[in-house]
Amino acid sequence: MGLFGFGKPPAKPLRLLAQDAEDLPAISALVQDAALRVGDISYDPAGRHVTLQMSRFCHEQGGAVPLRAPSILRISDVTGVKTRGLDPKQKTLPLSLLDIAAEPLEAPAFALTLRFAGAADRDMRIEVECLDVLLLDLAPPRRAKMLPDHAL
């Protein structure tokens, strides 16, 4: 039972870890249409991780009421990052994450490509020593103010 004894109980925040290529499609599907800004992406070369703070569209909830959850996507064991169509000076530029693809390199390394809506060449290529991708919701989902818009 939900709050005040009626309706569905609030959804639990997600905590998922991908450590092999078979795990990544689930995380990619869950972050599809996540809203963020260029300034919400950080790369820590010393800590060897890339972090994206986002508002994740909750496709898994189904229902008539669209939901979003504040989330973090953290990619660890990063050995290199390249971007196209993303200017770090444009911190407020809105982005919509479309998907994450993994390309195997010399085992156990991978190249992850994060594609964003809008410009044809708006993406990040993140090379990792091994696959270690964490998706963490920071709070339960809330009603979305807007539906996903890929025309950004």
Protein backbone atom coordinates (compact mmCIF):
# COMPACT_ATOMS: atom_id res chain seq x y z
CA MET A 1 0.00 0.00 0.00
CA GLY A 2 1.20 3.48 -0.82
CA LEU A 3 1.29 6.60 1.28
CA PHE A 4 -1.99 7.07 3.21
CA GLY A 5 -2.95 3.44 2.51
CA PHE A 6 -3.91 3.64 -1.18
CA GLY A 7 -2.28 3.30 -4.56
CA LYS A 8 0.98 1.64 -5.47
CA PRO A 9 3.90 1.86 -3.06
CA PRO A 10 6.64 4.25 -4.15
CA ALA A 11 9.20 2.66 -6.47
CA LYS A 12 12.51 1.73 -4.88
CA PRO A 13 15.58 3.56 -6.18
CA LEU A 14 17.64 1.51 -8.64
CA ARG A 15 21.15 0.28 -7.88
CA LEU A 16 22.65 -1.66 -10.79
CA LEU A 17 26.21 -2.65 -11.63
CA ALA A 18 27.43 -3.83 -15.05
CA GLN A 19 30.71 -5.73 -14.96
CA ASP A 20 30.41 -7.60 -18.25
CA ALA A 21 29.03 -6.84 -21.69
CA GLU A 22 25.82 -8.83 -21.07
CA ASP A 23 24.89 -6.50 -18.18
CA LEU A 24 25.28 -3.24 -20.09
CA PRO A 25 22.13 -3.35 -22.31
CA ALA A 26 19.91 -3.25 -19.21
CA ILE A 27 21.65 -0.12 -17.93
CA SER A 28 21.58 1.42 -21.42
CA ALA A 29 17.81 0.88 -21.60
CA LEU A 30 17.28 2.40 -18.16
CA VAL A 31 19.24 5.58 -18.95
CA GLN A 32 17.58 6.11 -22.35
CA ASP A 33 16.10 9.62 -22.45
CA ALA A 34 17.94 10.74 -19.31
CA ALA A 35 18.10 14.54 -19.17
CA LEU A 36 21.29 16.32 -18.18
CA ARG A 37 23.50 19.25 -19.13
CA VAL A 38 27.09 19.27 -20.35
CA GLY A 39 28.11 20.61 -16.92
CA ASP A 40 26.64 17.47 -15.30
CA ILE A 41 29.39 15.35 -16.85
CA SER A 42 32.67 15.12 -14.97
CA TYR A 43 35.88 13.24 -15.68
CA ASP A 44 38.38 12.61 -12.89
CA PRO A 45 41.59 11.35 -14.54
CA ALA A 46 43.30 10.78 -11.18
CA GLY A 47 40.32 8.79 -9.84
CA ARG A 48 39.87 7.17 -13.28
CA HIS A 49 36.11 7.66 -13.50
CA VAL A 50 33.47 9.54 -15.46
CA THR A 51 30.29 10.59 -13.67
CA LEU A 52 27.04 11.80 -15.20
CA GLN A 53 24.41 13.38 -12.95
CA MET A 54 21.05 13.05 -14.66
CA SER A 55 17.30 13.00 -14.39
CA ARG A 56 16.53 9.45 -15.53
CA PHE A 57 13.24 8.85 -17.35
CA CYS A 58 11.72 5.78 -15.68
CA HIS A 59 10.66 3.65 -18.67
CA GLU A 60 10.45 0.62 -16.37
CA GLN A 61 7.52 2.12 -14.45
CA GLY A 62 5.13 1.80 -17.39
CA GLY A 63 2.03 3.55 -16.01
CA ALA A 64 0.11 6.56 -17.25
CA VAL A 65 2.08 8.97 -15.06
CA PRO A 66 5.57 9.63 -16.46
CA LEU A 67 8.29 9.54 -13.80
CA ARG A 68 11.90 10.70 -13.50
CA ALA A 69 14.50 9.85 -10.87
CA PRO A 70 17.63 11.82 -9.98
CA SER A 71 20.45 9.44 -10.83
CA ILE A 72 24.18 8.99 -11.18
CA LEU A 73 25.91 6.96 -13.88
CA ARG A 74 29.49 6.23 -12.88
CA ILE A 75 31.98 4.60 -15.23
CA SER A 76 35.14 3.41 -13.48
CA ASP A 77 38.60 2.21 -14.57
CA VAL A 78 38.68 4.87 -17.29
CA THR A 79 41.86 5.07 -19.37
CA GLY A 80 40.75 7.74 -21.85
CA VAL A 81 37.86 9.99 -22.89
CA LYS A 82 37.09 11.59 -26.25
CA THR A 83 34.06 13.74 -27.07
CA ARG A 84 32.40 14.95 -30.27
CA GLY A 85 29.89 17.76 -30.40
CA LEU A 86 30.17 18.45 -26.66
CA ASP A 87 31.84 21.72 -25.70
CA PRO A 88 32.74 21.72 -21.98
CA LYS A 89 32.41 25.54 -21.99
CA GLN A 90 28.69 25.18 -22.80
CA LYS A 91 27.87 23.89 -19.30
CA THR A 92 24.13 24.64 -19.59
CA LEU A 93 23.64 22.91 -22.97
CA PRO A 94 20.79 20.39 -22.43
CA LEU A 95 21.45 16.79 -23.40
CA SER A 96 19.32 13.68 -23.72
CA LEU A 97 21.19 10.39 -23.44
CA LEU A 98 20.09 7.91 -26.12
CA ASP A 99 22.15 4.82 -25.35
CA ILE A 100 25.41 3.25 -24.27
CA ALA A 101 27.23 0.80 -26.54
CA ALA A 102 30.25 -1.35 -25.69
CA GLU A 103 32.97 -2.31 -28.15
CA PRO A 104 35.43 -4.94 -26.93
CA LEU A 105 39.09 -4.01 -27.13
CA GLU A 106 42.01 -6.15 -25.96
CA ALA A 107 40.40 -8.18 -23.15
CA PRO A 108 39.26 -7.15 -20.62
CA ALA A 109 39.20 -3.58 -22.00
CA PHE A 110 36.21 -1.93 -23.68
CA ALA A 111 35.35 1.30 -25.46
CA LEU A 112 31.98 2.65 -24.32
CA THR A 113 30.12 5.08 -26.55
CA LEU A 114 27.49 7.32 -25.00
CA ARG A 115 25.28 8.81 -27.74
CA PHE A 116 23.22 11.94 -27.15
CA ALA A 117 20.17 13.24 -29.05
CA GLY A 118 20.40 16.26 -31.29
CA ALA A 119 23.48 16.78 -33.41
CA ALA A 120 24.45 13.76 -35.49
CA ASP A 121 27.90 13.61 -33.94
CA ARG A 122 27.21 14.28 -30.26
CA ASP A 123 28.82 11.51 -28.25
CA MET A 124 31.49 10.41 -25.79
CA ARG A 125 33.92 7.53 -26.27
CA ILE A 126 35.19 6.27 -22.93
CA GLU A 127 37.91 3.64 -22.92
CA VAL A 128 37.99 1.46 -19.83
CA GLU A 129 40.47 -1.08 -18.50
CA CYS A 130 37.54 -3.35 -17.61
CA LEU A 131 33.78 -2.93 -17.49
CA ASP A 132 32.58 -1.31 -14.25
CA VAL A 133 29.44 0.80 -14.76
CA LEU A 134 27.19 1.78 -11.85
CA LEU A 135 23.67 3.23 -12.17
CA LEU A 136 22.37 4.62 -8.91
CA ASP A 137 19.09 6.43 -8.30
CA LEU A 138 19.58 9.08 -5.62
CA ALA A 139 15.90 9.24 -4.65
CA PRO A 140 12.60 7.57 -5.55
CA PRO A 141 11.08 8.62 -8.90
CA ARG A 142 8.85 11.68 -9.06
CA ARG A 143 6.32 12.88 -11.60
CA ALA A 144 8.11 14.04 -14.77
CA LYS A 145 7.51 17.63 -15.82
CA MET A 146 8.17 16.77 -19.47
CA LEU A 147 8.24 13.74 -21.73
CA PRO A 148 11.50 12.93 -23.52
CA ASP A 149 12.27 15.16 -26.51
CA HIS A 150 14.97 13.98 -28.91
CA ALA A 151 14.97 17.24 -30.86
CA LEU A 152 17.34 18.97 -28.43
